[in-house]
Amino acid sequence: LKKKLKIKGKNQTILFVGRIMKEKGIHLVLDIMPKLIKKYPKVKLVITGASRYGRNIRTPYVRRIYRKASRLGKHVVFTGFIRPHKIPYIYQLADVVVIPSLWHEPFGRVNLEAMSSQKVVLASKRGGIPEVIRHEKDGLIVKTHKKKKLYKALSKLLASEELRQELGKNGWERSKEFTWEKTTERYLEIFESLVRKKKESR
């Protein structure tokens, strides 16, 4: 897979996984890539996903992203849509997984997929994301629409393999708290609490 995507041993890899749409914010990462490339000449951005599930349709936004990427040459590579059973292999390419969402993600499954792969996550302070990732403990949470902060956070992670490993390991432990079994238990606790309160109010 590395050979196919032309990722070499010295490359530092930033990975984006998700639908290529404005709300997901990949354009923000592309905007700061020239500055990152200047500081880290071997850095590479891998963009995984499509505008529609299972369909690589070139929407106006997708065309805009490809135009931005074309100016960065070999530093950006697109995989297109990847089927779910192959996604774990994609995560293994990453040094950093970036989730620069602009909309209020209700949860964000990509966070947990990356964390369960022991990859450090840099994500936006939106919606339910901060409920999953604890800033500077399991990953980094920043206001990604503020490009200076996004650049600073990405640069910090690229600069320290030790920090990436520490946060990646913590994220892996954290991801174990979000199994379907534990989620079911929490739902049951909520339902039982509501039933109990309703009975007490009678």
Protein backbone atom coordinates (compact mmCIF):
# COMPACT_ATOMS: atom_id res chain seq x y z
CA LEU A 1 0.00 0.00 0.00
CA LYS A 2 2.88 2.36 0.82
CA LYS A 3 4.46 1.55 -2.52
CA LYS A 4 1.20 2.22 -4.34
CA LEU A 5 0.80 5.60 -2.63
CA LYS A 6 4.52 6.41 -2.95
CA ILE A 7 5.04 6.71 0.80
CA LYS A 8 8.68 6.20 1.72
CA GLY A 9 10.28 5.44 5.06
CA LYS A 10 11.27 9.04 5.76
CA ASN A 11 7.83 10.46 4.98
CA GLN A 12 5.79 11.84 7.87
CA THR A 13 2.19 11.10 7.02
CA ILE A 14 -0.92 13.08 7.89
CA LEU A 15 -4.11 11.12 7.21
CA PHE A 16 -7.63 12.38 6.58
CA VAL A 17 -10.47 9.85 6.43
CA GLY A 18 -14.00 10.96 5.62
CA ARG A 19 -16.32 12.36 3.00
CA ILE A 20 -14.76 15.07 0.87
CA MET A 21 -17.19 17.86 1.60
CA LYS A 22 -16.81 21.37 2.97
CA GLU A 23 -18.26 20.45 6.37
CA LYS A 24 -15.40 18.00 6.92
CA GLY A 25 -12.83 20.79 6.51
CA ILE A 26 -10.05 19.11 4.52
CA HIS A 27 -9.44 22.41 2.69
CA LEU A 28 -8.16 23.84 5.99
CA VAL A 29 -5.36 21.27 6.08
CA LEU A 30 -4.47 21.94 2.45
CA ASP A 31 -4.28 25.66 3.20
CA ILE A 32 -1.55 25.13 5.80
CA MET A 33 0.34 22.43 3.90
CA PRO A 34 2.78 24.85 2.18
CA LYS A 35 3.92 26.06 5.60
CA LEU A 36 4.18 22.49 6.92
CA ILE A 37 6.15 21.40 3.84
CA LYS A 38 8.60 24.24 4.41
CA LYS A 39 9.25 23.00 7.96
CA TYR A 40 8.90 19.26 7.24
CA PRO A 41 10.02 18.66 3.62
CA LYS A 42 9.13 14.94 3.77
CA VAL A 43 5.54 15.44 5.01
CA LYS A 44 2.75 13.83 3.04
CA LEU A 45 -1.04 14.24 3.28
CA VAL A 46 -3.13 11.17 2.44
CA ILE A 47 -6.77 11.96 1.70
CA THR A 48 -9.07 8.94 1.95
CA GLY A 49 -12.72 9.19 1.00
CA ALA A 50 -15.13 10.43 -1.62
CA SER A 51 -17.94 12.95 -1.89
CA ARG A 52 -20.53 10.16 -1.65
CA TYR A 53 -20.39 6.82 0.10
CA GLY A 54 -18.87 4.38 -2.37
CA ARG A 55 -18.91 6.87 -5.24
CA ASN A 56 -16.00 9.04 -6.35
CA ILE A 57 -18.13 11.87 -7.78
CA ARG A 58 -16.30 15.10 -8.70
CA THR A 59 -18.49 17.73 -7.04
CA PRO A 60 -17.48 21.42 -7.29
CA TYR A 61 -15.91 21.12 -3.82
CA VAL A 62 -13.98 17.97 -4.77
CA ARG A 63 -12.66 19.73 -7.88
CA ARG A 64 -11.57 22.63 -5.66
CA ILE A 65 -9.71 20.23 -3.37
CA TYR A 66 -7.94 18.56 -6.29
CA ARG A 67 -6.88 21.97 -7.62
CA LYS A 68 -5.44 22.92 -4.23
CA ALA A 69 -3.66 19.57 -3.98
CA SER A 70 -2.19 19.81 -7.49
CA ARG A 71 -0.14 22.84 -6.38
CA LEU A 72 1.50 20.70 -3.70
CA GLY A 73 2.68 17.95 -6.03
CA LYS A 74 3.90 14.72 -4.43
CA HIS A 75 3.02 15.96 -0.93
CA VAL A 76 -0.66 15.08 -1.36
CA VAL A 77 -2.13 11.76 -2.46
CA PHE A 78 -5.75 10.63 -2.85
CA THR A 79 -6.90 7.05 -2.29
CA GLY A 80 -10.52 7.57 -3.31
CA PHE A 81 -13.24 5.60 -1.55
CA ILE A 82 -11.92 2.67 0.49
CA ARG A 83 -14.25 -0.13 1.58
CA PRO A 84 -14.66 -0.48 5.36
CA HIS A 85 -12.83 -3.81 5.66
CA LYS A 86 -9.70 -2.21 4.16
CA ILE A 87 -9.75 0.95 6.27
CA PRO A 88 -7.62 -0.54 9.12
CA TYR A 89 -4.72 -0.81 6.66
CA ILE A 90 -5.09 2.86 5.76
CA TYR A 91 -4.79 3.93 9.40
CA GLN A 92 -1.48 2.08 9.67
CA LEU A 93 -0.01 4.56 7.15
CA ALA A 94 -0.55 7.52 9.48
CA ASP A 95 1.72 9.37 11.85
CA VAL A 96 -1.15 11.75 12.61
CA VAL A 97 -4.87 11.45 11.84
CA VAL A 98 -6.52 14.83 11.35
CA ILE A 99 -10.26 15.46 11.70
CA PRO A 100 -10.81 19.16 10.91
CA SER A 101 -14.63 19.11 10.93
CA LEU A 102 -16.43 22.43 10.63
CA TRP A 103 -19.88 21.10 11.44
CA HIS A 104 -20.98 19.80 14.82
CA GLU A 105 -20.15 16.11 14.51
CA PRO A 106 -22.66 14.18 16.67
CA PHE A 107 -19.99 11.61 17.47
CA GLY A 108 -17.43 10.92 14.75
CA ARG A 109 -16.59 7.25 14.27
CA VAL A 110 -13.29 8.08 12.58
CA ASN A 111 -11.96 9.30 15.94
CA LEU A 112 -12.40 5.88 17.50
CA GLU A 113 -11.17 4.00 14.45
CA ALA A 114 -7.92 5.97 14.55
CA MET A 115 -7.60 5.69 18.33
CA SER A 116 -8.17 1.93 18.26
CA SER A 117 -5.32 1.77 15.72
CA GLN A 118 -3.06 3.54 18.27
CA LYS A 119 -2.80 6.62 16.06
CA VAL A 120 -2.72 10.08 17.54
CA VAL A 121 -5.73 12.20 16.55
CA LEU A 122 -5.88 15.95 16.02
CA ALA A 123 -9.55 16.91 15.85
CA SER A 124 -11.76 19.97 15.90
CA LYS A 125 -13.55 21.26 18.96
CA ARG A 126 -16.98 20.54 17.51
CA GLY A 127 -20.07 18.59 18.52
CA GLY A 128 -19.43 15.33 20.35
CA ILE A 129 -15.73 15.08 19.46
CA PRO A 130 -14.46 16.50 22.79
CA GLU A 131 -16.57 13.87 24.58
CA VAL A 132 -14.44 11.18 22.96
CA ILE A 133 -10.99 12.80 22.83
CA ARG A 134 -9.63 14.45 25.95
CA HIS A 135 -7.29 17.29 24.98
CA GLU A 136 -3.60 16.56 25.55
CA LYS A 137 -4.46 13.19 27.09
CA ASP A 138 -5.91 11.05 24.28
CA GLY A 139 -5.12 13.43 21.41
CA LEU A 140 -5.31 17.13 20.60
CA ILE A 141 -8.49 19.20 20.30
CA VAL A 142 -8.22 22.58 18.57
CA LYS A 143 -10.41 25.12 16.83
CA THR A 144 -9.34 23.89 13.41
CA HIS A 145 -11.02 26.76 11.56
CA LYS A 146 -8.30 28.94 13.08
CA LYS A 147 -5.50 27.96 10.76
CA LYS A 148 -2.68 29.20 12.99
CA LYS A 149 -3.84 26.89 15.76
CA LEU A 150 -4.26 23.99 13.33
CA TYR A 151 -0.74 24.53 11.99
CA LYS A 152 0.75 24.83 15.47
CA ALA A 153 -0.92 21.62 16.67
CA LEU A 154 0.05 19.59 13.59
CA SER A 155 3.60 20.91 13.74
CA LYS A 156 3.84 19.95 17.41
CA LEU A 157 2.80 16.36 16.65
CA LEU A 158 5.05 16.00 13.62
CA ALA A 159 8.00 17.24 15.67
CA SER A 160 7.73 14.61 18.41
CA GLU A 161 7.47 10.88 17.81
CA GLU A 162 7.46 10.39 21.59
CA LEU A 163 4.37 12.60 21.97
CA ARG A 164 2.61 10.82 19.10
CA GLN A 165 3.27 7.43 20.67
CA GLU A 166 2.15 8.57 24.13
CA LEU A 167 -1.13 10.09 22.91
CA GLY A 168 -1.68 7.19 20.52
CA LYS A 169 -1.35 4.67 23.34
CA ASN A 170 -3.66 6.70 25.59
CA GLY A 171 -6.17 6.97 22.76
CA TRP A 172 -6.08 3.20 22.28
CA GLU A 173 -6.93 2.69 25.97
CA ARG A 174 -9.67 5.32 25.74
CA SER A 175 -11.22 3.65 22.68
CA LYS A 176 -11.93 0.53 24.74
CA GLU A 177 -14.52 2.53 26.70
CA PHE A 178 -16.71 2.84 23.59
CA THR A 179 -17.61 -0.77 22.79
CA TRP A 180 -21.16 -1.65 21.73
CA GLU A 181 -21.59 -3.52 25.02
CA LYS A 182 -20.65 -0.49 27.12
CA THR A 183 -22.77 1.79 24.95
CA THR A 184 -25.75 -0.53 25.50
CA GLU A 185 -25.15 -0.49 29.25
CA ARG A 186 -25.18 3.31 29.29
CA TYR A 187 -28.40 3.47 27.29
CA LEU A 188 -30.02 1.01 29.70
CA GLU A 189 -28.89 3.12 32.66
CA ILE A 190 -30.53 6.19 31.11
CA PHE A 191 -33.78 4.36 30.30
CA GLU A 192 -33.96 2.80 33.76
CA SER A 193 -33.31 6.17 35.37
CA LEU A 194 -36.12 7.78 33.35
CA VAL A 195 -38.54 4.96 34.20
CA ARG A 196 -37.61 5.26 37.88
CA LYS A 197 -38.19 9.02 37.89
CA LYS A 198 -41.54 8.61 36.16
CA LYS A 199 -42.66 6.06 38.79
CA GLU A 200 -41.50 8.32 41.62
CA SER A 201 -43.46 11.25 40.20
CA ARG A 202 -46.76 9.38 40.32
